[in-house]
Structure formats: C-alpha cells, structure tokens
C-alpha cells in the first residue's frame, strides 16, 4: 500500500508540472511529436497621426490687437505710436497660398500712456505664403497693398479724411499654432506710407509763417511727406 501511495503522489506531481509547462507564456504545444515551440511574435502596428487637410476649411476670420508706430522718413526720431486692432478675412487659394482682406486702426498712445487726439486707419489686400502647413505650428511670409490715413479723431469731413489718406505697403512674417478650427497667431510687419493725397502740388504757393518758413503741415508734396513704421500684433483665428 505504501508503494502504491508513493506511485500516486509521483504521478500527480508529474501531471502538475506538465500542465504548468503547457501554460508558460511564449510556448505552444508544438507539432505531432509533442515538442514545445515558441509562439510567433505579433507585428507591432504604429498608427501615424492623421494628416491635416488644410483645404477642408478654406475660409478663416481673424481678430488681432497690438501696437503700431510710424515716423516721417526725414525725421525718424519723431515717432508716433498707436494701439491698434485688426479684423481679417482670409481665403486659402492653394495649400500654401492665402488671400487676406484686413481692416484696422486705433488711437495714438502718448508717452505718458494716455490717448492722443490722432488716429490711424488702414485697409489692405495681402497675399500670404505658408510653410509647414500640415504641422500644428506653421509660419508664413506676407506682402500687401492698400490705403491708410492718419488724422485727428475729431475729423468727420469726408473730403478731409480723403485728403489725409496715403498709399500703404506691407511686408511681414507670422507664426501660428492651429488646432482643428481654432488658432492663435503673432505677426510682425514693416509698413511704408506714401504721400498725402491732399499734399501741395509742386509749384503751388506754400503757406508760410511769420518767419517766412513753410507753415506747419504745409510742406510741399515730396519724399519728405512719406512715412515708415511697423506693427506687432497677436490674435486668434477661426477656420470654417
């Protein structure tokens, strides 16, 4: 009986060991001979992030705020600064090219931080070329032409406003972070303004002050009447 009991215990232990071996990860039962073998490795599937289709939402509306400064070309130290806002409507003509219509303006900011009596207004049609268009971070270069005016904010006479208007040229660079429909951006632009439309024609008598010098604001229409400046704005856009 004792021998029979030892035989039963040995048989039980051998059966348990075989079961444990069969359940060891990485093995299967093998071929018909019963020889164990390794489980074939499973392929690792790498899922690439979806590529943004920038042509799916070709329109965008943007709102930006920032600062603008300008000075006469002949007196660059006589700088005027403005707090400005800009509203833009953009259309993506190709994956890289955008057309933009932007209008903006704002009031003069004096050295002590208070508002002055002068205001600036600008409107331009621009072309943007975008880089890294499928990335969350993309950037662009731009150029535009339009019209601008600098005059007193109390002026309401349409003829005076038209006389104070100037041709406008812009060159800039910008950076954007885009999610799906929403984006934030920053843009730096160099701005040039031509002569006032209401400037005095060459050869026309120029008003003078008591000393005989040209009166303030009555300089003849020359390159002295052109302005240069720049702007830095930050804002947000919505694509649709």
C-alpha atoms as a PDB file:
ATOM      1  CA  UNK A   1       0.000   0.000   0.000  1.00  0.00           C
ATOM      2  CA  UNK A   2       2.818   2.383   0.848  1.00  0.00           C
ATOM      3  CA  UNK A   3       4.410   1.774  -2.546  1.00  0.00           C
ATOM      4  CA  UNK A   4       1.077   2.339  -4.256  1.00  0.00           C
ATOM      5  CA  UNK A   5       0.647   5.673  -2.419  1.00  0.00           C
ATOM      6  CA  UNK A   6       4.112   6.884  -3.430  1.00  0.00           C
ATOM      7  CA  UNK A   7       3.338   5.992  -7.052  1.00  0.00           C
ATOM      8  CA  UNK A   8       0.102   8.044  -6.977  1.00  0.00           C
ATOM      9  CA  UNK A   9       1.888  11.066  -5.483  1.00  0.00           C
ATOM     10  CA  UNK A  10       4.640  10.917  -8.098  1.00  0.00           C
ATOM     11  CA  UNK A  11       2.066  10.669 -10.900  1.00  0.00           C
ATOM     12  CA  UNK A  12       0.195  13.732  -9.521  1.00  0.00           C
ATOM     13  CA  UNK A  13       3.389  15.821  -9.325  1.00  0.00           C
ATOM     14  CA  UNK A  14       4.429  14.940 -12.867  1.00  0.00           C
ATOM     15  CA  UNK A  15       0.978  15.834 -14.201  1.00  0.00           C
ATOM     16  CA  UNK A  16       1.023  19.226 -12.428  1.00  0.00           C
ATOM     17  CA  UNK A  17       4.462  20.069 -13.821  1.00  0.00           C
ATOM     18  CA  UNK A  18       3.367  19.204 -17.367  1.00  0.00           C
ATOM     19  CA  UNK A  19       0.266  21.403 -17.014  1.00  0.00           C
ATOM     20  CA  UNK A  20       2.353  24.332 -15.731  1.00  0.00           C
ATOM     21  CA  UNK A  21       4.829  23.962 -18.604  1.00  0.00           C
ATOM     22  CA  UNK A  22       1.980  23.959 -21.124  1.00  0.00           C
ATOM     23  CA  UNK A  23       0.652  27.237 -19.647  1.00  0.00           C
ATOM     24  CA  UNK A  24       4.019  29.043 -19.654  1.00  0.00           C
ATOM     25  CA  UNK A  25       3.738  32.265 -21.752  1.00  0.00           C
ATOM     26  CA  UNK A  26       5.601  32.143 -25.032  1.00  0.00           C
ATOM     27  CA  UNK A  27       5.092  28.417 -25.727  1.00  0.00           C
ATOM     28  CA  UNK A  28       2.552  26.304 -27.602  1.00  0.00           C
ATOM     29  CA  UNK A  29       2.067  22.523 -27.682  1.00  0.00           C
ATOM     30  CA  UNK A  30       4.256  22.048 -30.715  1.00  0.00           C
ATOM     31  CA  UNK A  31       3.970  19.519 -33.530  1.00  0.00           C
ATOM     32  CA  UNK A  32       2.577  15.978 -33.541  1.00  0.00           C
ATOM     33  CA  UNK A  33       5.625  14.721 -31.639  1.00  0.00           C
ATOM     34  CA  UNK A  34       4.663  16.920 -28.695  1.00  0.00           C
ATOM     35  CA  UNK A  35       7.857  19.019 -28.800  1.00  0.00           C
ATOM     36  CA  UNK A  36       7.219  22.514 -27.412  1.00  0.00           C
ATOM     37  CA  UNK A  37       7.860  25.585 -29.590  1.00  0.00           C
ATOM     38  CA  UNK A  38       7.884  29.404 -29.347  1.00  0.00           C
ATOM     39  CA  UNK A  39       4.813  31.498 -30.164  1.00  0.00           C
ATOM     40  CA  UNK A  40       5.313  33.538 -33.345  1.00  0.00           C
ATOM     41  CA  UNK A  41       5.872  37.245 -32.434  1.00  0.00           C
ATOM     42  CA  UNK A  42       2.974  39.573 -33.188  1.00  0.00           C
ATOM     43  CA  UNK A  43       3.744  42.547 -35.515  1.00  0.00           C
ATOM     44  CA  UNK A  44       3.857  45.994 -33.882  1.00  0.00           C
ATOM     45  CA  UNK A  45       1.423  48.332 -35.605  1.00  0.00           C
ATOM     46  CA  UNK A  46       2.390  52.017 -35.495  1.00  0.00           C
ATOM     47  CA  UNK A  47      -0.572  54.321 -36.083  1.00  0.00           C
ATOM     48  CA  UNK A  48       0.545  57.556 -37.748  1.00  0.00           C
ATOM     49  CA  UNK A  49      -1.212  60.745 -36.663  1.00  0.00           C
ATOM     50  CA  UNK A  50      -3.775  61.984 -39.185  1.00  0.00           C
ATOM     51  CA  UNK A  51      -2.506  64.497 -41.733  1.00  0.00           C
ATOM     52  CA  UNK A  52      -4.367  67.811 -41.572  1.00  0.00           C
ATOM     53  CA  UNK A  53      -6.262  68.588 -44.750  1.00  0.00           C
ATOM     54  CA  UNK A  54      -5.824  72.361 -44.884  1.00  0.00           C
ATOM     55  CA  UNK A  55      -8.151  72.608 -47.879  1.00  0.00           C
ATOM     56  CA  UNK A  56     -11.096  71.233 -45.900  1.00  0.00           C
ATOM     57  CA  UNK A  57     -11.661  74.606 -44.176  1.00  0.00           C
ATOM     58  CA  UNK A  58     -10.555  77.214 -46.694  1.00  0.00           C
ATOM     59  CA  UNK A  59     -12.020  80.315 -45.051  1.00  0.00           C
ATOM     60  CA  UNK A  60     -10.850  81.968 -41.844  1.00  0.00           C
ATOM     61  CA  UNK A  61     -11.745  85.054 -39.868  1.00  0.00           C
ATOM     62  CA  UNK A  62      -9.188  86.598 -37.535  1.00  0.00           C
ATOM     63  CA  UNK A  63      -9.048  89.293 -34.855  1.00  0.00           C
ATOM     64  CA  UNK A  64      -5.747  90.796 -33.646  1.00  0.00           C
ATOM     65  CA  UNK A  65      -4.602  93.552 -31.305  1.00  0.00           C
ATOM     66  CA  UNK A  66      -1.217  95.154 -30.810  1.00  0.00           C
ATOM     67  CA  UNK A  67       0.918  98.223 -31.401  1.00  0.00           C
ATOM     68  CA  UNK A  68       1.800 100.290 -34.466  1.00  0.00           C
ATOM     69  CA  UNK A  69       4.444 103.007 -34.759  1.00  0.00           C
ATOM     70  CA  UNK A  70       5.285 105.337 -37.635  1.00  0.00           C
ATOM     71  CA  UNK A  71       7.570 108.306 -38.292  1.00  0.00           C
ATOM     72  CA  UNK A  72       8.459 110.638 -41.202  1.00  0.00           C
ATOM     73  CA  UNK A  73      11.270 109.319 -43.367  1.00  0.00           C
ATOM     74  CA  UNK A  74      13.158 112.613 -42.991  1.00  0.00           C
ATOM     75  CA  UNK A  75      12.709 112.675 -39.181  1.00  0.00           C
ATOM     76  CA  UNK A  76      12.724 109.085 -37.866  1.00  0.00           C
ATOM     77  CA  UNK A  77      13.042 110.311 -34.273  1.00  0.00           C
ATOM     78  CA  UNK A  78       9.584 111.946 -34.471  1.00  0.00           C
ATOM     79  CA  UNK A  79       7.735 108.705 -33.862  1.00  0.00           C
ATOM     80  CA  UNK A  80       4.010 108.326 -33.272  1.00  0.00           C
ATOM     81  CA  UNK A  81       2.659 105.214 -31.546  1.00  0.00           C
ATOM     82  CA  UNK A  82      -0.827 103.750 -31.762  1.00  0.00           C
ATOM     83  CA  UNK A  83      -2.808 100.987 -30.061  1.00  0.00           C
ATOM     84  CA  UNK A  84      -4.455  99.134 -32.939  1.00  0.00           C
ATOM     85  CA  UNK A  85      -6.888  96.346 -33.671  1.00  0.00           C
ATOM     86  CA  UNK A  86      -7.350  94.419 -36.904  1.00  0.00           C
ATOM     87  CA  UNK A  87     -10.126  92.315 -38.419  1.00  0.00           C
ATOM     88  CA  UNK A  88      -9.170  89.991 -41.291  1.00  0.00           C
ATOM     89  CA  UNK A  89     -10.958  87.668 -43.685  1.00  0.00           C
ATOM     90  CA  UNK A  90      -8.777  85.046 -45.400  1.00  0.00           C
ATOM     91  CA  UNK A  91      -9.288  82.533 -48.212  1.00  0.00           C
ATOM     92  CA  UNK A  92      -6.871  79.656 -48.916  1.00  0.00           C
ATOM     93  CA  UNK A  93      -6.483  79.549 -52.692  1.00  0.00           C
ATOM     94  CA  UNK A  94      -3.920  76.688 -52.666  1.00  0.00           C
ATOM     95  CA  UNK A  95      -2.461  74.619 -49.805  1.00  0.00           C
ATOM     96  CA  UNK A  96       0.301  77.231 -49.364  1.00  0.00           C
ATOM     97  CA  UNK A  97      -1.247  80.484 -50.630  1.00  0.00           C
ATOM     98  CA  UNK A  98      -3.831  82.616 -48.822  1.00  0.00           C
ATOM     99  CA  UNK A  99      -5.571  85.820 -49.832  1.00  0.00           C
ATOM    100  CA  UNK A 100      -6.308  88.242 -46.990  1.00  0.00           C
ATOM    101  CA  UNK A 101      -8.500  91.328 -46.702  1.00  0.00           C
ATOM    102  CA  UNK A 102      -7.727  93.218 -43.488  1.00  0.00           C
ATOM    103  CA  UNK A 103      -9.019  96.447 -41.962  1.00  0.00           C
ATOM    104  CA  UNK A 104      -7.815  98.049 -38.763  1.00  0.00           C
ATOM    105  CA  UNK A 105      -6.883 101.135 -36.860  1.00  0.00           C
ATOM    106  CA  UNK A 106      -6.640 102.725 -33.454  1.00  0.00           C
ATOM    107  CA  UNK A 107      -5.833 105.761 -31.340  1.00  0.00           C
ATOM    108  CA  UNK A 108      -2.493 107.400 -30.636  1.00  0.00           C
ATOM    109  CA  UNK A 109      -0.754 106.482 -27.376  1.00  0.00           C
ATOM    110  CA  UNK A 110       1.264 109.320 -25.837  1.00  0.00           C
ATOM    111  CA  UNK A 111       4.476 108.924 -23.876  1.00  0.00           C
ATOM    112  CA  UNK A 112       2.644 109.089 -20.552  1.00  0.00           C
ATOM    113  CA  UNK A 113       0.305 106.267 -21.587  1.00  0.00           C
ATOM    114  CA  UNK A 114      -2.743 108.446 -22.257  1.00  0.00           C
ATOM    115  CA  UNK A 115      -4.594 108.723 -25.552  1.00  0.00           C
ATOM    116  CA  UNK A 116      -3.749 111.443 -28.027  1.00  0.00           C
ATOM    117  CA  UNK A 117      -6.060 113.197 -30.472  1.00  0.00           C
ATOM    118  CA  UNK A 118      -4.688 111.406 -33.548  1.00  0.00           C
ATOM    119  CA  UNK A 119      -5.906 108.143 -35.031  1.00  0.00           C
ATOM    120  CA  UNK A 120      -4.736 105.790 -37.751  1.00  0.00           C
ATOM    121  CA  UNK A 121      -6.838 103.647 -40.096  1.00  0.00           C
ATOM    122  CA  UNK A 122      -5.630 101.017 -42.543  1.00  0.00           C
ATOM    123  CA  UNK A 123      -7.078  98.645 -45.126  1.00  0.00           C
ATOM    124  CA  UNK A 124      -5.038  96.231 -47.252  1.00  0.00           C
ATOM    125  CA  UNK A 125      -5.300  93.266 -49.580  1.00  0.00           C
ATOM    126  CA  UNK A 126      -2.453  90.857 -48.888  1.00  0.00           C
ATOM    127  CA  UNK A 127      -1.020  87.537 -50.033  1.00  0.00           C
ATOM    128  CA  UNK A 128       0.380  85.001 -47.548  1.00  0.00           C
ATOM    129  CA  UNK A 129       2.663  82.053 -48.299  1.00  0.00           C
ATOM    130  CA  UNK A 130       2.530  79.431 -45.533  1.00  0.00           C
ATOM    131  CA  UNK A 131       5.201  76.908 -44.562  1.00  0.00           C
ATOM    132  CA  UNK A 132       4.783  73.617 -42.597  1.00  0.00           C
ATOM    133  CA  UNK A 133       1.090  73.677 -43.449  1.00  0.00           C
ATOM    134  CA  UNK A 134       0.324  70.212 -42.008  1.00  0.00           C
ATOM    135  CA  UNK A 135       2.005  70.921 -38.669  1.00  0.00           C
ATOM    136  CA  UNK A 136       0.324  72.336 -35.575  1.00  0.00           C
ATOM    137  CA  UNK A 137       2.961  75.085 -35.725  1.00  0.00           C
ATOM    138  CA  UNK A 138       3.157  76.847 -39.096  1.00  0.00           C
ATOM    139  CA  UNK A 139       4.558  80.175 -40.261  1.00  0.00           C
ATOM    140  CA  UNK A 140       4.232  82.496 -43.214  1.00  0.00           C
ATOM    141  CA  UNK A 141       5.606  85.459 -45.097  1.00  0.00           C
ATOM    142  CA  UNK A 142       3.254  88.084 -46.474  1.00  0.00           C
ATOM    143  CA  UNK A 143       3.021  91.211 -48.588  1.00  0.00           C
ATOM    144  CA  UNK A 144       0.155  93.593 -49.140  1.00  0.00           C
ATOM    145  CA  UNK A 145      -1.017  96.867 -50.672  1.00  0.00           C
ATOM    146  CA  UNK A 146      -3.744  99.189 -49.503  1.00  0.00           C
ATOM    147  CA  UNK A 147      -4.587 102.584 -48.098  1.00  0.00           C
ATOM    148  CA  UNK A 148      -4.026 104.273 -44.742  1.00  0.00           C
ATOM    149  CA  UNK A 149      -4.868 107.563 -43.095  1.00  0.00           C
ATOM    150  CA  UNK A 150      -3.585 109.483 -40.081  1.00  0.00           C
ATOM    151  CA  UNK A 151      -5.671 112.425 -38.894  1.00  0.00           C
ATOM    152  CA  UNK A 152      -7.482 113.857 -35.909  1.00  0.00           C
ATOM    153  CA  UNK A 153     -10.084 111.558 -34.380  1.00  0.00           C
ATOM    154  CA  UNK A 154     -12.472 114.512 -34.331  1.00  0.00           C
ATOM    155  CA  UNK A 155     -12.427 114.939 -38.110  1.00  0.00           C
ATOM    156  CA  UNK A 156     -15.748 113.999 -39.712  1.00  0.00           C
ATOM    157  CA  UNK A 157     -15.402 115.772 -43.061  1.00  0.00           C
ATOM    158  CA  UNK A 158     -15.134 113.111 -45.751  1.00  0.00           C
ATOM    159  CA  UNK A 159     -13.087 115.368 -48.022  1.00  0.00           C
ATOM    160  CA  UNK A 160     -10.542 115.967 -45.260  1.00  0.00           C
ATOM    161  CA  UNK A 161     -10.326 112.268 -44.485  1.00  0.00           C
ATOM    162  CA  UNK A 162      -9.735 111.527 -48.165  1.00  0.00           C
ATOM    163  CA  UNK A 163      -7.058 114.246 -48.336  1.00  0.00           C
ATOM    164  CA  UNK A 164      -5.245 112.661 -45.365  1.00  0.00           C
ATOM    165  CA  UNK A 165      -5.209 109.178 -46.915  1.00  0.00           C
ATOM    166  CA  UNK A 166      -1.992 107.606 -48.220  1.00  0.00           C
ATOM    167  CA  UNK A 167      -0.916 104.582 -50.200  1.00  0.00           C
ATOM    168  CA  UNK A 168       0.147 101.657 -47.996  1.00  0.00           C
ATOM    169  CA  UNK A 169       2.636  98.798 -48.493  1.00  0.00           C
ATOM    170  CA  UNK A 170       3.289  95.962 -46.037  1.00  0.00           C
ATOM    171  CA  UNK A 171       5.833  93.148 -45.671  1.00  0.00           C
ATOM    172  CA  UNK A 172       5.676  90.731 -42.769  1.00  0.00           C
ATOM    173  CA  UNK A 173       6.226  87.368 -41.148  1.00  0.00           C
ATOM    174  CA  UNK A 174       3.923  85.453 -38.818  1.00  0.00           C
ATOM    175  CA  UNK A 175       3.692  82.366 -36.638  1.00  0.00           C
ATOM    176  CA  UNK A 176       0.556  80.328 -35.866  1.00  0.00           C
ATOM    177  CA  UNK A 177      -0.429  77.409 -33.648  1.00  0.00           C
ATOM    178  CA  UNK A 178      -3.503  75.670 -35.007  1.00  0.00           C
ATOM    179  CA  UNK A 179      -5.823  73.089 -33.513  1.00  0.00           C
ATOM    180  CA  UNK A 180      -8.817  71.977 -35.598  1.00  0.00           C
ATOM    181  CA  UNK A 181     -10.856  75.103 -36.302  1.00  0.00           C
ATOM    182  CA  UNK A 182      -9.205  77.454 -33.797  1.00  0.00           C
ATOM    183  CA  UNK A 183      -5.719  79.036 -33.957  1.00  0.00           C
ATOM    184  CA  UNK A 184      -3.625  81.694 -32.258  1.00  0.00           C
ATOM    185  CA  UNK A 185      -1.007  83.789 -34.035  1.00  0.00           C
ATOM    186  CA  UNK A 186       1.576  86.563 -33.843  1.00  0.00           C
ATOM    187  CA  UNK A 187       2.595  88.766 -36.771  1.00  0.00           C
ATOM    188  CA  UNK A 188       5.362  91.327 -37.314  1.00  0.00           C
ATOM    189  CA  UNK A 189       5.056  93.756 -40.233  1.00  0.00           C
ATOM    190  CA  UNK A 190       7.095  96.562 -41.767  1.00  0.00           C
ATOM    191  CA  UNK A 191       4.896  99.345 -43.160  1.00  0.00           C
ATOM    192  CA  UNK A 192       5.518 102.146 -45.632  1.00  0.00           C
ATOM    193  CA  UNK A 193       3.112 105.001 -46.392  1.00  0.00           C
ATOM    194  CA  UNK A 194       3.214 107.301 -49.388  1.00  0.00           C
ATOM    195  CA  UNK A 195       2.456 110.990 -49.660  1.00  0.00           C
ATOM    196  CA  UNK A 196      -0.824 112.508 -48.527  1.00  0.00           C
ATOM    197  CA  UNK A 197      -3.353 112.716 -51.323  1.00  0.00           C
ATOM    198  CA  UNK A 198      -4.079 116.286 -50.262  1.00  0.00           C
ATOM    199  CA  UNK A 199      -0.443 117.400 -50.378  1.00  0.00           C
ATOM    200  CA  UNK A 200       0.501 120.604 -52.186  1.00  0.00           C
ATOM    201  CA  UNK A 201       1.396 120.219 -55.825  1.00  0.00           C
ATOM    202  CA  UNK A 202       4.858 121.218 -56.959  1.00  0.00           C
ATOM    203  CA  UNK A 203       4.997 124.878 -57.921  1.00  0.00           C
ATOM    204  CA  UNK A 204       1.901 125.752 -55.942  1.00  0.00           C
ATOM    205  CA  UNK A 205       2.365 128.565 -53.380  1.00  0.00           C
ATOM    206  CA  UNK A 206       3.042 127.197 -49.920  1.00  0.00           C
ATOM    207  CA  UNK A 207       1.661 128.984 -46.843  1.00  0.00           C
ATOM    208  CA  UNK A 208       4.382 130.421 -44.610  1.00  0.00           C
ATOM    209  CA  UNK A 209       4.524 131.505 -41.008  1.00  0.00           C
ATOM    210  CA  UNK A 210       5.682 134.895 -39.651  1.00  0.00           C
ATOM    211  CA  UNK A 211       9.340 133.983 -40.157  1.00  0.00           C
ATOM    212  CA  UNK A 212       8.807 133.132 -43.793  1.00  0.00           C
ATOM    213  CA  UNK A 213       9.305 129.385 -43.255  1.00  0.00           C
ATOM    214  CA  UNK A 214       6.676 126.888 -44.503  1.00  0.00           C
ATOM    215  CA  UNK A 215       3.840 126.705 -42.022  1.00  0.00           C
ATOM    216  CA  UNK A 216       3.450 123.505 -40.003  1.00  0.00           C
ATOM    217  CA  UNK A 217       1.670 120.809 -42.001  1.00  0.00           C
ATOM    218  CA  UNK A 218       2.044 122.662 -45.315  1.00  0.00           C
ATOM    219  CA  UNK A 219       5.207 121.087 -46.722  1.00  0.00           C
ATOM    220  CA  UNK A 220       5.025 120.558 -50.496  1.00  0.00           C
ATOM    221  CA  UNK A 221       4.425 117.067 -51.790  1.00  0.00           C
ATOM    222  CA  UNK A 222       7.888 115.496 -51.843  1.00  0.00           C
ATOM    223  CA  UNK A 223       9.526 112.387 -50.432  1.00  0.00           C
ATOM    224  CA  UNK A 224       9.651 114.304 -47.135  1.00  0.00           C
ATOM    225  CA  UNK A 225       5.959 113.509 -46.764  1.00  0.00           C
ATOM    226  CA  UNK A 226       6.403 109.720 -46.789  1.00  0.00           C
ATOM    227  CA  UNK A 227       6.234 107.648 -43.599  1.00  0.00           C
ATOM    228  CA  UNK A 228       7.723 104.369 -42.408  1.00  0.00           C
ATOM    229  CA  UNK A 229       6.900 102.169 -39.452  1.00  0.00           C
ATOM    230  CA  UNK A 230       5.878  98.755 -38.290  1.00  0.00           C
ATOM    231  CA  UNK A 231       3.438  96.771 -36.188  1.00  0.00           C
ATOM    232  CA  UNK A 232       3.407  93.765 -33.875  1.00  0.00           C
ATOM    233  CA  UNK A 233       0.078  92.065 -33.208  1.00  0.00           C
ATOM    234  CA  UNK A 234      -1.240  88.905 -31.558  1.00  0.00           C
ATOM    235  CA  UNK A 235      -4.616  87.383 -32.220  1.00  0.00           C
ATOM    236  CA  UNK A 236      -6.845  84.406 -32.888  1.00  0.00           C
ATOM    237  CA  UNK A 237      -8.457  82.885 -35.984  1.00  0.00           C
ATOM    238  CA  UNK A 238     -11.389  80.586 -36.663  1.00  0.00           C
ATOM    239  CA  UNK A 239     -11.304  78.312 -39.724  1.00  0.00           C
ATOM    240  CA  UNK A 240     -14.505  77.231 -41.471  1.00  0.00           C
END
